[in-house]
Amino acid sequence: MQYLTLAFVFTLAMFLGLELIRKIPSQLHTPLMSGSNAISGICLIGAMALAPLTEDSPFALGLATAAVAFAAINVVGGYLVTHRMLSMFQGKKGESK
């Protein structure tokens, strides 16, 4: 029963996240991505801290490994996109502002 409850909460969170993202104007996506990078960084540290505690269960170890991998991809990709967006606001080399 506990897994069914967790699956329900996860599914509800996915639909809520999709609806929230759809309602956000495109001008706010970059600041929102910067904030989500901080949250993903916290998830990455938490997953790395909890991964050694999963020695007894191969399933838990697989989930911990997936959490570390997905959070790392999200953090690196988010910082690359944020860096690219911020570089669009800088002037060209040799150009004075």
C-alpha atoms as a PDB file:
ATOM      1  CA  MET A   1       0.000   0.000   0.000  1.00  0.00           C
ATOM      2  CA  GLN A   2       2.897   2.350   0.729  1.00  0.00           C
ATOM      3  CA  TYR A   3       4.225   2.018  -2.836  1.00  0.00           C
ATOM      4  CA  LEU A   4       0.796   2.825  -4.236  1.00  0.00           C
ATOM      5  CA  THR A   5       0.641   6.004  -2.153  1.00  0.00           C
ATOM      6  CA  LEU A   6       4.138   7.030  -3.243  1.00  0.00           C
ATOM      7  CA  ALA A   7       3.287   6.371  -6.899  1.00  0.00           C
ATOM      8  CA  PHE A   8       0.141   8.482  -6.547  1.00  0.00           C
ATOM      9  CA  VAL A   9       2.071  11.393  -5.002  1.00  0.00           C
ATOM     10  CA  PHE A  10       4.745  11.139  -7.705  1.00  0.00           C
ATOM     11  CA  THR A  11       2.144  11.162 -10.501  1.00  0.00           C
ATOM     12  CA  LEU A  12       0.314  14.093  -8.920  1.00  0.00           C
ATOM     13  CA  ALA A  13       3.596  16.021  -8.617  1.00  0.00           C
ATOM     14  CA  MET A  14       4.373  15.396 -12.295  1.00  0.00           C
ATOM     15  CA  PHE A  15       1.016  16.745 -13.461  1.00  0.00           C
ATOM     16  CA  LEU A  16       1.229  19.729 -11.114  1.00  0.00           C
ATOM     17  CA  GLY A  17       4.751  20.521 -12.351  1.00  0.00           C
ATOM     18  CA  LEU A  18       3.646  20.367 -15.985  1.00  0.00           C
ATOM     19  CA  GLU A  19       0.733  22.714 -15.347  1.00  0.00           C
ATOM     20  CA  LEU A  20       2.930  25.181 -13.467  1.00  0.00           C
ATOM     21  CA  ILE A  21       5.566  25.247 -16.211  1.00  0.00           C
ATOM     22  CA  ARG A  22       2.948  25.805 -18.921  1.00  0.00           C
ATOM     23  CA  LYS A  23       1.637  28.907 -17.147  1.00  0.00           C
ATOM     24  CA  ILE A  24       5.041  30.618 -16.815  1.00  0.00           C
ATOM     25  CA  PRO A  25       5.926  33.270 -19.422  1.00  0.00           C
ATOM     26  CA  SER A  26       9.052  32.590 -21.491  1.00  0.00           C
ATOM     27  CA  GLN A  27      10.870  35.587 -19.944  1.00  0.00           C
ATOM     28  CA  LEU A  28      10.884  33.865 -16.562  1.00  0.00           C
ATOM     29  CA  HIS A  29      12.270  30.490 -17.652  1.00  0.00           C
ATOM     30  CA  THR A  30      15.947  31.459 -17.187  1.00  0.00           C
ATOM     31  CA  PRO A  31      15.563  32.735 -13.583  1.00  0.00           C
ATOM     32  CA  LEU A  32      13.446  29.695 -12.797  1.00  0.00           C
ATOM     33  CA  MET A  33      16.133  27.390 -14.203  1.00  0.00           C
ATOM     34  CA  SER A  34      18.727  29.044 -11.966  1.00  0.00           C
ATOM     35  CA  GLY A  35      16.551  28.332  -8.954  1.00  0.00           C
ATOM     36  CA  SER A  36      15.934  24.743  -9.990  1.00  0.00           C
ATOM     37  CA  ASN A  37      19.699  24.259 -10.385  1.00  0.00           C
ATOM     38  CA  ALA A  38      20.120  25.052  -6.703  1.00  0.00           C
ATOM     39  CA  ILE A  39      17.408  22.538  -5.795  1.00  0.00           C
ATOM     40  CA  SER A  40      18.974  19.891  -8.056  1.00  0.00           C
ATOM     41  CA  GLY A  41      22.335  20.530  -6.416  1.00  0.00           C
ATOM     42  CA  ILE A  42      20.789  19.848  -3.028  1.00  0.00           C
ATOM     43  CA  CYS A  43      19.199  16.649  -4.401  1.00  0.00           C
ATOM     44  CA  LEU A  44      22.569  15.609  -5.819  1.00  0.00           C
ATOM     45  CA  ILE A  45      24.321  16.044  -2.475  1.00  0.00           C
ATOM     46  CA  GLY A  46      21.511  14.203  -0.671  1.00  0.00           C
ATOM     47  CA  ALA A  47      21.611  11.296  -3.133  1.00  0.00           C
ATOM     48  CA  MET A  48      25.395  11.015  -2.815  1.00  0.00           C
ATOM     49  CA  ALA A  49      25.125  11.087   0.982  1.00  0.00           C
ATOM     50  CA  LEU A  50      22.468   8.358   1.063  1.00  0.00           C
ATOM     51  CA  ALA A  51      23.950   6.087  -1.627  1.00  0.00           C
ATOM     52  CA  PRO A  52      26.365   4.286   0.772  1.00  0.00           C
ATOM     53  CA  LEU A  53      23.429   3.324   3.015  1.00  0.00           C
ATOM     54  CA  THR A  54      21.909   1.139   0.270  1.00  0.00           C
ATOM     55  CA  GLU A  55      24.374  -1.754   0.568  1.00  0.00           C
ATOM     56  CA  ASP A  56      21.720  -4.364   1.390  1.00  0.00           C
ATOM     57  CA  SER A  57      19.304  -3.673  -1.458  1.00  0.00           C
ATOM     58  CA  PRO A  58      20.357  -3.731  -5.120  1.00  0.00           C
ATOM     59  CA  PHE A  59      17.097  -1.974  -6.044  1.00  0.00           C
ATOM     60  CA  ALA A  60      17.822   0.901  -3.648  1.00  0.00           C
ATOM     61  CA  LEU A  61      21.372   1.118  -4.964  1.00  0.00           C
ATOM     62  CA  GLY A  62      20.019   1.356  -8.518  1.00  0.00           C
ATOM     63  CA  LEU A  63      17.622   4.116  -7.514  1.00  0.00           C
ATOM     64  CA  ALA A  64      20.386   6.009  -5.715  1.00  0.00           C
ATOM     65  CA  THR A  65      22.657   5.703  -8.754  1.00  0.00           C
ATOM     66  CA  ALA A  66      19.866   6.931 -11.040  1.00  0.00           C
ATOM     67  CA  ALA A  67      19.165   9.850  -8.682  1.00  0.00           C
ATOM     68  CA  VAL A  68      22.834  10.885  -8.707  1.00  0.00           C
ATOM     69  CA  ALA A  69      23.057  10.572 -12.496  1.00  0.00           C
ATOM     70  CA  PHE A  70      19.848  12.479 -13.265  1.00  0.00           C
ATOM     71  CA  ALA A  71      20.561  15.236 -10.741  1.00  0.00           C
ATOM     72  CA  ALA A  72      24.097  15.661 -12.104  1.00  0.00           C
ATOM     73  CA  ILE A  73      22.803  15.872 -15.683  1.00  0.00           C
ATOM     74  CA  ASN A  74      20.189  18.418 -14.599  1.00  0.00           C
ATOM     75  CA  VAL A  75      22.709  20.587 -12.737  1.00  0.00           C
ATOM     76  CA  VAL A  76      25.330  20.581 -15.515  1.00  0.00           C
ATOM     77  CA  GLY A  77      22.770  21.157 -18.272  1.00  0.00           C
ATOM     78  CA  GLY A  78      21.060  23.908 -16.311  1.00  0.00           C
ATOM     79  CA  TYR A  79      24.295  25.770 -15.694  1.00  0.00           C
ATOM     80  CA  LEU A  80      25.255  25.483 -19.376  1.00  0.00           C
ATOM     81  CA  VAL A  81      21.905  26.888 -20.485  1.00  0.00           C
ATOM     82  CA  THR A  82      22.018  29.655 -17.866  1.00  0.00           C
ATOM     83  CA  HIS A  83      25.565  30.574 -18.914  1.00  0.00           C
ATOM     84  CA  ARG A  84      24.532  30.714 -22.563  1.00  0.00           C
ATOM     85  CA  MET A  85      21.481  32.878 -21.790  1.00  0.00           C
ATOM     86  CA  LEU A  86      23.537  35.293 -19.696  1.00  0.00           C
ATOM     87  CA  SER A  87      26.199  35.536 -22.399  1.00  0.00           C
ATOM     88  CA  MET A  88      23.512  36.721 -24.822  1.00  0.00           C
ATOM     89  CA  PHE A  89      23.181  39.908 -22.740  1.00  0.00           C
ATOM     90  CA  GLN A  90      26.897  40.733 -22.895  1.00  0.00           C
ATOM     91  CA  GLY A  91      28.256  42.957 -25.633  1.00  0.00           C
ATOM     92  CA  LYS A  92      30.525  41.699 -28.380  1.00  0.00           C
ATOM     93  CA  LYS A  93      34.292  41.813 -27.842  1.00  0.00           C
ATOM     94  CA  GLY A  94      35.740  45.276 -28.482  1.00  0.00           C
ATOM     95  CA  GLU A  95      32.343  46.914 -28.173  1.00  0.00           C
ATOM     96  CA  SER A  96      31.993  49.541 -25.452  1.00  0.00           C
ATOM     97  CA  LYS A  97      28.756  49.991 -23.559  1.00  0.00           C
END
